[in-house]
C-alpha atoms as a PDB file:
ATOM      1  CA  MET A   1     -24.762  29.841  18.616  1.00  0.00           C
ATOM      2  CA  LYS A   2     -23.552  27.438  21.320  1.00  0.00           C
ATOM      3  CA  ARG A   3     -26.053  24.819  20.165  1.00  0.00           C
ATOM      4  CA  GLN A   4     -24.898  25.221  16.552  1.00  0.00           C
ATOM      5  CA  LEU A   5     -21.290  24.735  17.655  1.00  0.00           C
ATOM      6  CA  SER A   6     -22.101  21.526  19.543  1.00  0.00           C
ATOM      7  CA  HIS A   7     -24.054  20.184  16.548  1.00  0.00           C
ATOM      8  CA  GLU A   8     -21.132  21.021  14.273  1.00  0.00           C
ATOM      9  CA  ALA A   9     -18.739  19.303  16.659  1.00  0.00           C
ATOM     10  CA  MET A  10     -20.889  16.165  16.710  1.00  0.00           C
ATOM     11  CA  ARG A  11     -21.172  16.140  12.913  1.00  0.00           C
ATOM     12  CA  PHE A  12     -17.393  16.657  12.754  1.00  0.00           C
ATOM     13  CA  LEU A  13     -16.814  13.546  14.872  1.00  0.00           C
ATOM     14  CA  VAL A  14     -19.228  11.508  12.736  1.00  0.00           C
ATOM     15  CA  SER A  15     -17.685  12.685   9.469  1.00  0.00           C
ATOM     16  CA  GLY A  16     -14.210  11.976  10.848  1.00  0.00           C
ATOM     17  CA  GLY A  17     -15.254   8.430  11.669  1.00  0.00           C
ATOM     18  CA  VAL A  18     -16.723   7.944   8.186  1.00  0.00           C
ATOM     19  CA  ASN A  19     -13.631   9.441   6.562  1.00  0.00           C
ATOM     20  CA  THR A  20     -11.321   7.248   8.626  1.00  0.00           C
ATOM     21  CA  ALA A  21     -13.276   4.121   7.697  1.00  0.00           C
ATOM     22  CA  VAL A  22     -13.345   5.000   3.989  1.00  0.00           C
ATOM     23  CA  THR A  23      -9.646   5.815   3.779  1.00  0.00           C
ATOM     24  CA  TYR A  24      -8.607   2.770   5.798  1.00  0.00           C
ATOM     25  CA  LEU A  25     -10.686   0.469   3.604  1.00  0.00           C
ATOM     26  CA  LEU A  26      -9.161   2.092   0.520  1.00  0.00           C
ATOM     27  CA  TYR A  27      -5.688   1.595   1.987  1.00  0.00           C
ATOM     28  CA  LEU A  28      -6.451  -2.094   2.595  1.00  0.00           C
ATOM     29  CA  ALA A  29      -7.835  -2.503  -0.923  1.00  0.00           C
ATOM     30  CA  LEU A  30      -4.801  -0.874  -2.569  1.00  0.00           C
ATOM     31  CA  LEU A  31      -2.191  -2.498  -0.323  1.00  0.00           C
ATOM     32  CA  PRO A  32      -1.815  -5.855  -2.128  1.00  0.00           C
ATOM     33  CA  GLY A  33      -1.330  -4.294  -5.562  1.00  0.00           C
ATOM     34  CA  LEU A  34       0.634  -1.161  -4.708  1.00  0.00           C
ATOM     35  CA  GLY A  35       2.471  -1.752  -1.440  1.00  0.00           C
ATOM     36  CA  TYR A  36       2.127   0.315   1.698  1.00  0.00           C
ATOM     37  CA  TRP A  37       3.718   3.606   0.601  1.00  0.00           C
ATOM     38  CA  PRO A  38       1.583   4.282  -2.529  1.00  0.00           C
ATOM     39  CA  ALA A  39      -1.510   2.796  -0.870  1.00  0.00           C
ATOM     40  CA  TYR A  40      -1.127   5.088   2.134  1.00  0.00           C
ATOM     41  CA  SER A  41      -0.456   8.118  -0.065  1.00  0.00           C
ATOM     42  CA  ALA A  42      -3.519   7.479  -2.226  1.00  0.00           C
ATOM     43  CA  ALA A  43      -5.688   6.913   0.843  1.00  0.00           C
ATOM     44  CA  PHE A  44      -4.331  10.073   2.507  1.00  0.00           C
ATOM     45  CA  VAL A  45      -5.096  12.268  -0.516  1.00  0.00           C
ATOM     46  CA  THR A  46      -8.521  10.664  -0.827  1.00  0.00           C
ATOM     47  CA  GLY A  47      -9.044  11.424   2.864  1.00  0.00           C
ATOM     48  CA  ILE A  48      -8.339  15.116   2.327  1.00  0.00           C
ATOM     49  CA  VAL A  49     -10.820  15.286  -0.562  1.00  0.00           C
ATOM     50  CA  THR A  50     -13.449  13.273   1.314  1.00  0.00           C
ATOM     51  CA  SER A  51     -12.977  15.393   4.424  1.00  0.00           C
ATOM     52  CA  TYR A  52     -13.346  18.590   2.418  1.00  0.00           C
ATOM     53  CA  PHE A  53     -16.701  17.526   1.007  1.00  0.00           C
ATOM     54  CA  LEU A  54     -17.974  16.089   4.300  1.00  0.00           C
ATOM     55  CA  ASN A  55     -16.922  19.204   6.197  1.00  0.00           C
ATOM     56  CA  THR A  56     -18.362  21.703   3.730  1.00  0.00           C
ATOM     57  CA  ARG A  57     -21.660  19.978   3.031  1.00  0.00           C
ATOM     58  CA  PHE A  58     -22.395  17.984   6.224  1.00  0.00           C
ATOM     59  CA  VAL A  59     -20.466  19.535   9.123  1.00  0.00           C
ATOM     60  CA  PHE A  60     -20.456  23.289   8.498  1.00  0.00           C
ATOM     61  CA  ARG A  61     -23.109  23.366   5.744  1.00  0.00           C
ATOM     62  CA  VAL A  62     -21.349  25.830   3.498  1.00  0.00           C
ATOM     63  CA  ARG A  63     -20.918  25.848  -0.245  1.00  0.00           C
ATOM     64  CA  THR A  64     -17.811  24.389  -1.790  1.00  0.00           C
ATOM     65  CA  SER A  65     -15.517  26.916  -3.410  1.00  0.00           C
ATOM     66  CA  THR A  66     -12.158  27.046  -5.101  1.00  0.00           C
ATOM     67  CA  ARG A  67     -10.771  29.208  -2.287  1.00  0.00           C
ATOM     68  CA  ARG A  68     -11.918  26.794   0.412  1.00  0.00           C
ATOM     69  CA  ALA A  69     -10.702  23.774  -1.555  1.00  0.00           C
ATOM     70  CA  ALA A  70      -7.286  25.361  -2.030  1.00  0.00           C
ATOM     71  CA  ALA A  71      -6.945  26.290   1.651  1.00  0.00           C
ATOM     72  CA  PHE A  72      -8.281  23.060   3.135  1.00  0.00           C
ATOM     73  CA  PRO A  73      -5.145  20.891   2.654  1.00  0.00           C
ATOM     74  CA  LEU A  74      -3.385  23.399   4.912  1.00  0.00           C
ATOM     75  CA  VAL A  75      -5.649  22.158   7.713  1.00  0.00           C
ATOM     76  CA  TYR A  76      -4.150  18.695   7.269  1.00  0.00           C
ATOM     77  CA  LEU A  77      -0.617  20.100   7.188  1.00  0.00           C
ATOM     78  CA  ALA A  78      -1.258  22.068  10.384  1.00  0.00           C
ATOM     79  CA  GLN A  79      -2.853  19.009  11.998  1.00  0.00           C
ATOM     80  CA  TYR A  80       0.181  16.917  11.128  1.00  0.00           C
ATOM     81  CA  LEU A  81       2.647  19.478  12.498  1.00  0.00           C
ATOM     82  CA  PHE A  82       0.571  20.043  15.640  1.00  0.00           C
ATOM     83  CA  GLY A  83       0.273  16.299  16.249  1.00  0.00           C
ATOM     84  CA  LEU A  84       3.976  15.828  15.712  1.00  0.00           C
ATOM     85  CA  ALA A  85       4.741  18.602  18.217  1.00  0.00           C
ATOM     86  CA  VAL A  86       2.401  17.081  20.819  1.00  0.00           C
ATOM     87  CA  LEU A  87       3.999  13.692  20.224  1.00  0.00           C
ATOM     88  CA  HIS A  88       7.496  15.129  20.662  1.00  0.00           C
ATOM     89  CA  VAL A  89       6.634  17.016  23.847  1.00  0.00           C
ATOM     90  CA  SER A  90       4.837  14.002  25.282  1.00  0.00           C
ATOM     91  CA  VAL A  91       7.708  11.589  24.637  1.00  0.00           C
ATOM     92  CA  ARG A  92      10.756  13.828  25.155  1.00  0.00           C
ATOM     93  CA  TRP A  93       9.647  16.233  27.857  1.00  0.00           C
ATOM     94  CA  LEU A  94       6.868  14.407  29.685  1.00  0.00           C
ATOM     95  CA  ALA A  95       8.371  10.892  29.369  1.00  0.00           C
ATOM     96  CA  VAL A  96       5.100   9.407  28.087  1.00  0.00           C
ATOM     97  CA  PRO A  97       5.659   6.056  26.320  1.00  0.00           C
ATOM     98  CA  ALA A  98       5.424   6.546  22.544  1.00  0.00           C
ATOM     99  CA  GLN A  99       2.450   4.184  22.142  1.00  0.00           C
ATOM    100  CA  TYR A 100       0.425   6.329  24.572  1.00  0.00           C
ATOM    101  CA  ALA A 101       1.808   9.623  23.326  1.00  0.00           C
ATOM    102  CA  ALA A 102       0.147   9.002  19.966  1.00  0.00           C
ATOM    103  CA  LEU A 103      -3.221   8.758  21.716  1.00  0.00           C
ATOM    104  CA  ILE A 104      -2.584  12.087  23.454  1.00  0.00           C
ATOM    105  CA  SER A 105      -1.661  13.586  20.104  1.00  0.00           C
ATOM    106  CA  ILE A 106      -4.879  12.329  18.524  1.00  0.00           C
ATOM    107  CA  ALA A 107      -7.018  13.505  21.438  1.00  0.00           C
ATOM    108  CA  LEU A 108      -5.569  17.020  21.277  1.00  0.00           C
ATOM    109  CA  SER A 109      -5.574  17.127  17.478  1.00  0.00           C
ATOM    110  CA  VAL A 110      -9.318  16.540  17.120  1.00  0.00           C
ATOM    111  CA  PRO A 111     -10.442  19.851  18.706  1.00  0.00           C
ATOM    112  CA  PHE A 112      -7.528  21.659  17.049  1.00  0.00           C
ATOM    113  CA  THR A 113      -8.544  20.301  13.636  1.00  0.00           C
ATOM    114  CA  PHE A 114     -12.204  21.111  14.258  1.00  0.00           C
ATOM    115  CA  ALA A 115     -11.358  24.733  15.102  1.00  0.00           C
ATOM    116  CA  LEU A 116      -9.021  25.096  12.153  1.00  0.00           C
ATOM    117  CA  SER A 117     -11.493  23.470   9.743  1.00  0.00           C
ATOM    118  CA  ARG A 118     -14.217  25.781  10.995  1.00  0.00           C
ATOM    119  CA  PHE A 119     -11.936  28.792  10.541  1.00  0.00           C
ATOM    120  CA  VAL A 120     -11.053  27.802   6.959  1.00  0.00           C
ATOM    121  CA  LEU A 121     -14.471  26.573   5.814  1.00  0.00           C
ATOM    122  CA  ALA A 122     -16.953  28.660   7.814  1.00  0.00           C
ATOM    123  CA  PRO A 123     -15.154  31.777   9.046  1.00  0.00           C
ATOM    124  CA  ARG A 124     -18.362  33.702   9.733  1.00  0.00           C
ATOM    125  CA  ALA A 125     -19.375  31.923  12.928  1.00  0.00           C
ATOM    126  CA  GLY A 126     -23.004  32.497  13.666  1.00  0.00           C
ATOM    127  CA  ALA A 127     -23.927  33.177  10.043  1.00  0.00           C
ATOM    128  CA  PRO A 128     -26.905  31.152   8.819  1.00  0.00           C
ATOM    129  CA  PRO A 129     -26.004  27.883   7.041  1.00  0.00           C
ATOM    130  CA  GLN A 130     -25.837  28.027   3.255  1.00  0.00           C
ATOM    131  CA  SER A 131     -27.221  25.333   1.014  1.00  0.00           C
END
């Protein structure tokens, strides 16, 4: 069980890196023709979809489903709100400079997002992987 969790965590980090690279490259490709707001929005939505498929098939090795697909964007909403809260506390209450507070927010958001993704996509921890 512990070994499975560490393998999932490693795959989560790899898939996050791939997803970040894909969405950033998409953002850069769309930027000249669309401007930053639509380019970012398109890349963000693409990132949610890409993350869903990477997390179901590669990270947690579960089947895709309508229920999981519908619930998964809530992970991103929760991640955003959590990160914003960490950012606020870091800057306002702990007097961390904003440029460093974002790094704290990211560092704390990764395990939070992993746990939430696991809860949404693979709630039966310890169950054998599905193909």
